[in-house]
């Protein structure tokens, strides 16, 4: 996923279908100065982590 799209999703009021390693995730924010985003899996919201933007996939 490119940085601009990840930022759009993070700022959107609507939930988007974004996958990381086969799990649906929520993008909290895109990290400045790196190609990562702070995310959590929807089935495990307590476990936040940084994911490479290249590994995020939006399902339409």
PDB file of N, CA and C in Angstrom:
ATOM      1  N   UNK A   1       0.855  -1.170   0.000  1.00  0.00           N
ATOM      2  CA  UNK A   1       0.000   0.000   0.000  1.00  0.00           C
ATOM      3  C   UNK A   1       0.898   1.230   0.000  1.00  0.00           C
ATOM      4  N   UNK A   2       0.494   2.224  -0.753  1.00  0.00           N
ATOM      5  CA  UNK A   2       1.323   3.426  -0.755  1.00  0.00           C
ATOM      6  C   UNK A   2       0.987   4.308   0.452  1.00  0.00           C
ATOM      7  N   UNK A   3       1.928   5.158   0.781  1.00  0.00           N
ATOM      8  CA  UNK A   3       1.833   6.002   1.979  1.00  0.00           C
ATOM      9  C   UNK A   3       0.602   6.904   1.964  1.00  0.00           C
ATOM     10  N   UNK A   4       0.309   7.516   0.818  1.00  0.00           N
ATOM     11  CA  UNK A   4      -0.828   8.427   0.736  1.00  0.00           C
ATOM     12  C   UNK A   4      -2.141   7.695   1.013  1.00  0.00           C
ATOM     13  N   UNK A   5      -2.312   6.504   0.436  1.00  0.00           N
ATOM     14  CA  UNK A   5      -3.556   5.752   0.659  1.00  0.00           C
ATOM     15  C   UNK A   5      -3.662   5.330   2.120  1.00  0.00           C
ATOM     16  N   UNK A   6      -2.577   4.909   2.731  1.00  0.00           N
ATOM     17  CA  UNK A   6      -2.595   4.521   4.142  1.00  0.00           C
ATOM     18  C   UNK A   6      -3.015   5.704   5.014  1.00  0.00           C
ATOM     19  N   UNK A   7      -2.517   6.901   4.702  1.00  0.00           N
ATOM     20  CA  UNK A   7      -2.894   8.094   5.460  1.00  0.00           C
ATOM     21  C   UNK A   7      -4.376   8.417   5.269  1.00  0.00           C
ATOM     22  N   UNK A   8      -4.888   8.260   4.034  1.00  0.00           N
ATOM     23  CA  UNK A   8      -6.310   8.493   3.773  1.00  0.00           C
ATOM     24  C   UNK A   8      -7.173   7.549   4.589  1.00  0.00           C
ATOM     25  N   UNK A   9      -6.790   6.285   4.639  1.00  0.00           N
ATOM     26  CA  UNK A   9      -7.543   5.288   5.396  1.00  0.00           C
ATOM     27  C   UNK A   9      -7.503   5.608   6.889  1.00  0.00           C
ATOM     28  N   UNK A  10      -6.333   5.971   7.390  1.00  0.00           N
ATOM     29  CA  UNK A  10      -6.187   6.283   8.816  1.00  0.00           C
ATOM     30  C   UNK A  10      -7.067   7.468   9.212  1.00  0.00           C
ATOM     31  N   UNK A  11      -7.258   8.432   8.312  1.00  0.00           N
ATOM     32  CA  UNK A  11      -8.032   9.626   8.616  1.00  0.00           C
ATOM     33  C   UNK A  11      -9.516   9.479   8.293  1.00  0.00           C
ATOM     34  N   UNK A  12      -9.884   8.413   7.631  1.00  0.00           N
ATOM     35  CA  UNK A  12     -11.261   8.210   7.194  1.00  0.00           C
ATOM     36  C   UNK A  12     -12.170   7.841   8.365  1.00  0.00           C
ATOM     37  N   UNK A  13     -13.391   8.352   8.316  1.00  0.00           N
ATOM     38  CA  UNK A  13     -14.389   8.004   9.333  1.00  0.00           C
ATOM     39  C   UNK A  13     -14.990   6.632   9.045  1.00  0.00           C
ATOM     40  N   UNK A  14     -14.850   6.157   7.811  1.00  0.00           N
ATOM     41  CA  UNK A  14     -15.409   4.863   7.415  1.00  0.00           C
ATOM     42  C   UNK A  14     -14.382   3.753   7.576  1.00  0.00           C
ATOM     43  N   UNK A  15     -14.827   2.609   8.042  1.00  0.00           N
ATOM     44  CA  UNK A  15     -13.963   1.446   8.199  1.00  0.00           C
ATOM     45  C   UNK A  15     -13.620   0.881   6.826  1.00  0.00           C
ATOM     46  N   UNK A  16     -12.353   0.616   6.588  1.00  0.00           N
ATOM     47  CA  UNK A  16     -11.892   0.028   5.333  1.00  0.00           C
ATOM     48  C   UNK A  16     -11.421  -1.397   5.598  1.00  0.00           C
ATOM     49  N   UNK A  17     -11.493  -2.232   4.570  1.00  0.00           N
ATOM     50  CA  UNK A  17     -11.079  -3.623   4.683  1.00  0.00           C
ATOM     51  C   UNK A  17      -9.605  -3.724   4.312  1.00  0.00           C
ATOM     52  N   UNK A  18      -8.732  -3.629   5.322  1.00  0.00           N
ATOM     53  CA  UNK A  18      -7.285  -3.690   5.113  1.00  0.00           C
ATOM     54  C   UNK A  18      -6.759  -4.955   5.776  1.00  0.00           C
ATOM     55  N   UNK A  19      -5.940  -5.675   5.038  1.00  0.00           N
ATOM     56  CA  UNK A  19      -5.412  -6.950   5.516  1.00  0.00           C
ATOM     57  C   UNK A  19      -3.898  -6.865   5.733  1.00  0.00           C
ATOM     58  N   UNK A  20      -3.441  -7.604   6.751  1.00  0.00           N
ATOM     59  CA  UNK A  20      -2.015  -7.757   7.038  1.00  0.00           C
ATOM     60  C   UNK A  20      -1.804  -9.203   7.451  1.00  0.00           C
ATOM     61  N   UNK A  21      -1.003  -9.926   6.708  1.00  0.00           N
ATOM     62  CA  UNK A  21      -0.735 -11.345   6.991  1.00  0.00           C
ATOM     63  C   UNK A  21      -2.024 -12.147   7.182  1.00  0.00           C
ATOM     64  N   UNK A  22      -3.020 -11.897   6.348  1.00  0.00           N
ATOM     65  CA  UNK A  22      -4.258 -12.659   6.386  1.00  0.00           C
ATOM     66  C   UNK A  22      -5.261 -12.223   7.430  1.00  0.00           C
ATOM     67  N   UNK A  23      -4.960 -11.181   8.183  1.00  0.00           N
ATOM     68  CA  UNK A  23      -5.880 -10.691   9.209  1.00  0.00           C
ATOM     69  C   UNK A  23      -6.332  -9.278   8.895  1.00  0.00           C
ATOM     70  N   UNK A  24      -7.599  -8.999   9.196  1.00  0.00           N
ATOM     71  CA  UNK A  24      -8.100  -7.644   8.989  1.00  0.00           C
ATOM     72  C   UNK A  24      -7.564  -6.756  10.106  1.00  0.00           C
ATOM     73  N   UNK A  25      -7.025  -5.600   9.701  1.00  0.00           N
ATOM     74  CA  UNK A  25      -6.409  -4.688  10.663  1.00  0.00           C
ATOM     75  C   UNK A  25      -7.015  -3.298  10.563  1.00  0.00           C
ATOM     76  N   UNK A  26      -6.753  -2.504  11.595  1.00  0.00           N
ATOM     77  CA  UNK A  26      -7.158  -1.106  11.663  1.00  0.00           C
ATOM     78  C   UNK A  26      -5.892  -0.259  11.681  1.00  0.00           C
ATOM     79  N   UNK A  27      -5.805   0.720  10.786  1.00  0.00           N
ATOM     80  CA  UNK A  27      -4.643   1.615  10.743  1.00  0.00           C
ATOM     81  C   UNK A  27      -4.915   2.788  11.678  1.00  0.00           C
ATOM     82  N   UNK A  28      -4.121   2.924  12.733  1.00  0.00           N
ATOM     83  CA  UNK A  28      -4.266   4.035  13.659  1.00  0.00           C
ATOM     84  C   UNK A  28      -3.627   5.294  13.096  1.00  0.00           C
ATOM     85  N   UNK A  29      -2.399   5.181  12.628  1.00  0.00           N
ATOM     86  CA  UNK A  29      -1.720   6.305  11.990  1.00  0.00           C
ATOM     87  C   UNK A  29      -0.499   5.803  11.227  1.00  0.00           C
ATOM     88  N   UNK A  30      -0.072   6.630  10.289  1.00  0.00           N
ATOM     89  CA  UNK A  30       1.132   6.338   9.512  1.00  0.00           C
ATOM     90  C   UNK A  30       2.290   7.039  10.199  1.00  0.00           C
ATOM     91  N   UNK A  31       3.374   6.312  10.400  1.00  0.00           N
ATOM     92  CA  UNK A  31       4.533   6.847  11.103  1.00  0.00           C
ATOM     93  C   UNK A  31       5.324   7.797  10.212  1.00  0.00           C
ATOM     94  N   UNK A  32       5.654   8.957  10.748  1.00  0.00           N
ATOM     95  CA  UNK A  32       6.449   9.948  10.030  1.00  0.00           C
ATOM     96  C   UNK A  32       7.860   9.415   9.797  1.00  0.00           C
ATOM     97  N   UNK A  33       8.374   9.644   8.607  1.00  0.00           N
ATOM     98  CA  UNK A  33       9.766   9.315   8.321  1.00  0.00           C
ATOM     99  C   UNK A  33      10.060   7.847   8.102  1.00  0.00           C
ATOM    100  N   UNK A  34       9.039   7.019   8.060  1.00  0.00           N
ATOM    101  CA  UNK A  34       9.271   5.603   7.782  1.00  0.00           C
ATOM    102  C   UNK A  34       8.111   5.081   6.949  1.00  0.00           C
ATOM    103  N   UNK A  35       8.289   3.947   6.384  1.00  0.00           N
ATOM    104  CA  UNK A  35       7.239   3.333   5.571  1.00  0.00           C
ATOM    105  C   UNK A  35       6.467   2.317   6.405  1.00  0.00           C
ATOM    106  N   UNK A  36       6.062   2.742   7.623  1.00  0.00           N
ATOM    107  CA  UNK A  36       5.302   1.875   8.506  1.00  0.00           C
ATOM    108  C   UNK A  36       4.053   2.591   9.011  1.00  0.00           C
ATOM    109  N   UNK A  37       3.140   1.801   9.541  1.00  0.00           N
ATOM    110  CA  UNK A  37       1.923   2.333  10.150  1.00  0.00           C
ATOM    111  C   UNK A  37       1.680   1.613  11.463  1.00  0.00           C
ATOM    112  N   UNK A  38       1.101   2.329  12.423  1.00  0.00           N
ATOM    113  CA  UNK A  38       0.719   1.730  13.702  1.00  0.00           C
ATOM    114  C   UNK A  38      -0.654   1.102  13.500  1.00  0.00           C
ATOM    115  N   UNK A  39      -0.762  -0.191  13.735  1.00  0.00           N
ATOM    116  CA  UNK A  39      -1.985  -0.928  13.450  1.00  0.00           C
ATOM    117  C   UNK A  39      -2.318  -1.884  14.586  1.00  0.00           C
ATOM    118  N   UNK A  40      -3.532  -2.437  14.525  1.00  0.00           N
ATOM    119  CA  UNK A  40      -3.891  -3.574  15.374  1.00  0.00           C
ATOM    120  C   UNK A  40      -4.883  -4.441  14.626  1.00  0.00           C
ATOM    121  N   UNK A  41      -4.861  -5.728  14.918  1.00  0.00           N
ATOM    122  CA  UNK A  41      -5.822  -6.660  14.324  1.00  0.00           C
ATOM    123  C   UNK A  41      -7.180  -6.421  14.976  1.00  0.00           C
ATOM    124  N   UNK A  42      -8.241  -6.474  14.176  1.00  0.00           N
ATOM    125  CA  UNK A  42      -9.577  -6.233  14.714  1.00  0.00           C
ATOM    126  C   UNK A  42      -9.959  -7.256  15.774  1.00  0.00           C
ATOM    127  N   UNK A  43      -9.434  -8.476  15.662  1.00  0.00           N
ATOM    128  CA  UNK A  43      -9.750  -9.503  16.655  1.00  0.00           C
ATOM    129  C   UNK A  43      -8.834  -9.456  17.877  1.00  0.00           C
ATOM    130  N   UNK A  44      -7.885  -8.495  17.897  1.00  0.00           N
ATOM    131  CA  UNK A  44      -6.959  -8.357  19.023  1.00  0.00           C
ATOM    132  C   UNK A  44      -6.552  -6.888  19.194  1.00  0.00           C
ATOM    133  N   UNK A  45      -7.508  -6.005  19.539  1.00  0.00           N
ATOM    134  CA  UNK A  45      -7.227  -4.561  19.576  1.00  0.00           C
ATOM    135  C   UNK A  45      -6.225  -4.135  20.646  1.00  0.00           C
ATOM    136  N   UNK A  46      -5.928  -4.981  21.607  1.00  0.00           N
ATOM    137  CA  UNK A  46      -4.961  -4.644  22.655  1.00  0.00           C
ATOM    138  C   UNK A  46      -3.515  -4.789  22.184  1.00  0.00           C
ATOM    139  N   UNK A  47      -3.316  -5.463  21.068  1.00  0.00           N
ATOM    140  CA  UNK A  47      -1.968  -5.773  20.579  1.00  0.00           C
ATOM    141  C   UNK A  47      -1.621  -4.867  19.394  1.00  0.00           C
ATOM    142  N   UNK A  48      -1.134  -3.658  19.679  1.00  0.00           N
ATOM    143  CA  UNK A  48      -0.723  -2.719  18.633  1.00  0.00           C
ATOM    144  C   UNK A  48       0.693  -3.039  18.183  1.00  0.00           C
ATOM    145  N   UNK A  49       0.957  -2.790  16.900  1.00  0.00           N
ATOM    146  CA  UNK A  49       2.307  -3.010  16.378  1.00  0.00           C
ATOM    147  C   UNK A  49       2.512  -2.157  15.137  1.00  0.00           C
ATOM    148  N   UNK A  50       3.776  -2.014  14.733  1.00  0.00           N
ATOM    149  CA  UNK A  50       4.119  -1.292  13.510  1.00  0.00           C
ATOM    150  C   UNK A  50       4.231  -2.294  12.372  1.00  0.00           C
ATOM    151  N   UNK A  51       3.577  -1.980  11.249  1.00  0.00           N
ATOM    152  CA  UNK A  51       3.604  -2.852  10.080  1.00  0.00           C
ATOM    153  C   UNK A  51       4.159  -2.077   8.888  1.00  0.00           C
ATOM    154  N   UNK A  52       4.927  -2.744   8.067  1.00  0.00           N
ATOM    155  CA  UNK A  52       5.433  -2.143   6.832  1.00  0.00           C
ATOM    156  C   UNK A  52       4.262  -1.862   5.899  1.00  0.00           C
ATOM    157  N   UNK A  53       4.223  -0.659   5.323  1.00  0.00           N
ATOM    158  CA  UNK A  53       3.148  -0.303   4.407  1.00  0.00           C
ATOM    159  C   UNK A  53       3.083  -1.277   3.220  1.00  0.00           C
ATOM    160  N   UNK A  54       4.227  -1.755   2.777  1.00  0.00           N
ATOM    161  CA  UNK A  54       4.278  -2.686   1.643  1.00  0.00           C
ATOM    162  C   UNK A  54       3.526  -3.984   1.929  1.00  0.00           C
ATOM    163  N   UNK A  55       3.324  -4.305   3.200  1.00  0.00           N
ATOM    164  CA  UNK A  55       2.640  -5.548   3.580  1.00  0.00           C
ATOM    165  C   UNK A  55       1.158  -5.367   3.863  1.00  0.00           C
ATOM    166  N   UNK A  56       0.644  -4.134   3.699  1.00  0.00           N
ATOM    167  CA  UNK A  56      -0.781  -3.878   3.899  1.00  0.00           C
ATOM    168  C   UNK A  56      -1.504  -3.933   2.569  1.00  0.00           C
ATOM    169  N   UNK A  57      -2.650  -4.597   2.547  1.00  0.00           N
ATOM    170  CA  UNK A  57      -3.437  -4.744   1.316  1.00  0.00           C
ATOM    171  C   UNK A  57      -4.877  -4.362   1.585  1.00  0.00           C
ATOM    172  N   UNK A  58      -5.391  -3.439   0.756  1.00  0.00           N
ATOM    173  CA  UNK A  58      -6.797  -3.049   0.865  1.00  0.00           C
ATOM    174  C   UNK A  58      -7.621  -3.947  -0.039  1.00  0.00           C
ATOM    175  N   UNK A  59      -8.667  -4.559   0.530  1.00  0.00           N
ATOM    176  CA  UNK A  59      -9.582  -5.400  -0.242  1.00  0.00           C
ATOM    177  C   UNK A  59     -10.798  -4.567  -0.596  1.00  0.00           C
ATOM    178  N   UNK A  60     -11.111  -4.500  -1.858  1.00  0.00           N
ATOM    179  CA  UNK A  60     -12.246  -3.708  -2.326  1.00  0.00           C
ATOM    180  C   UNK A  60     -13.521  -4.518  -2.275  1.00  0.00           C
TER     181      UNK A  60
END
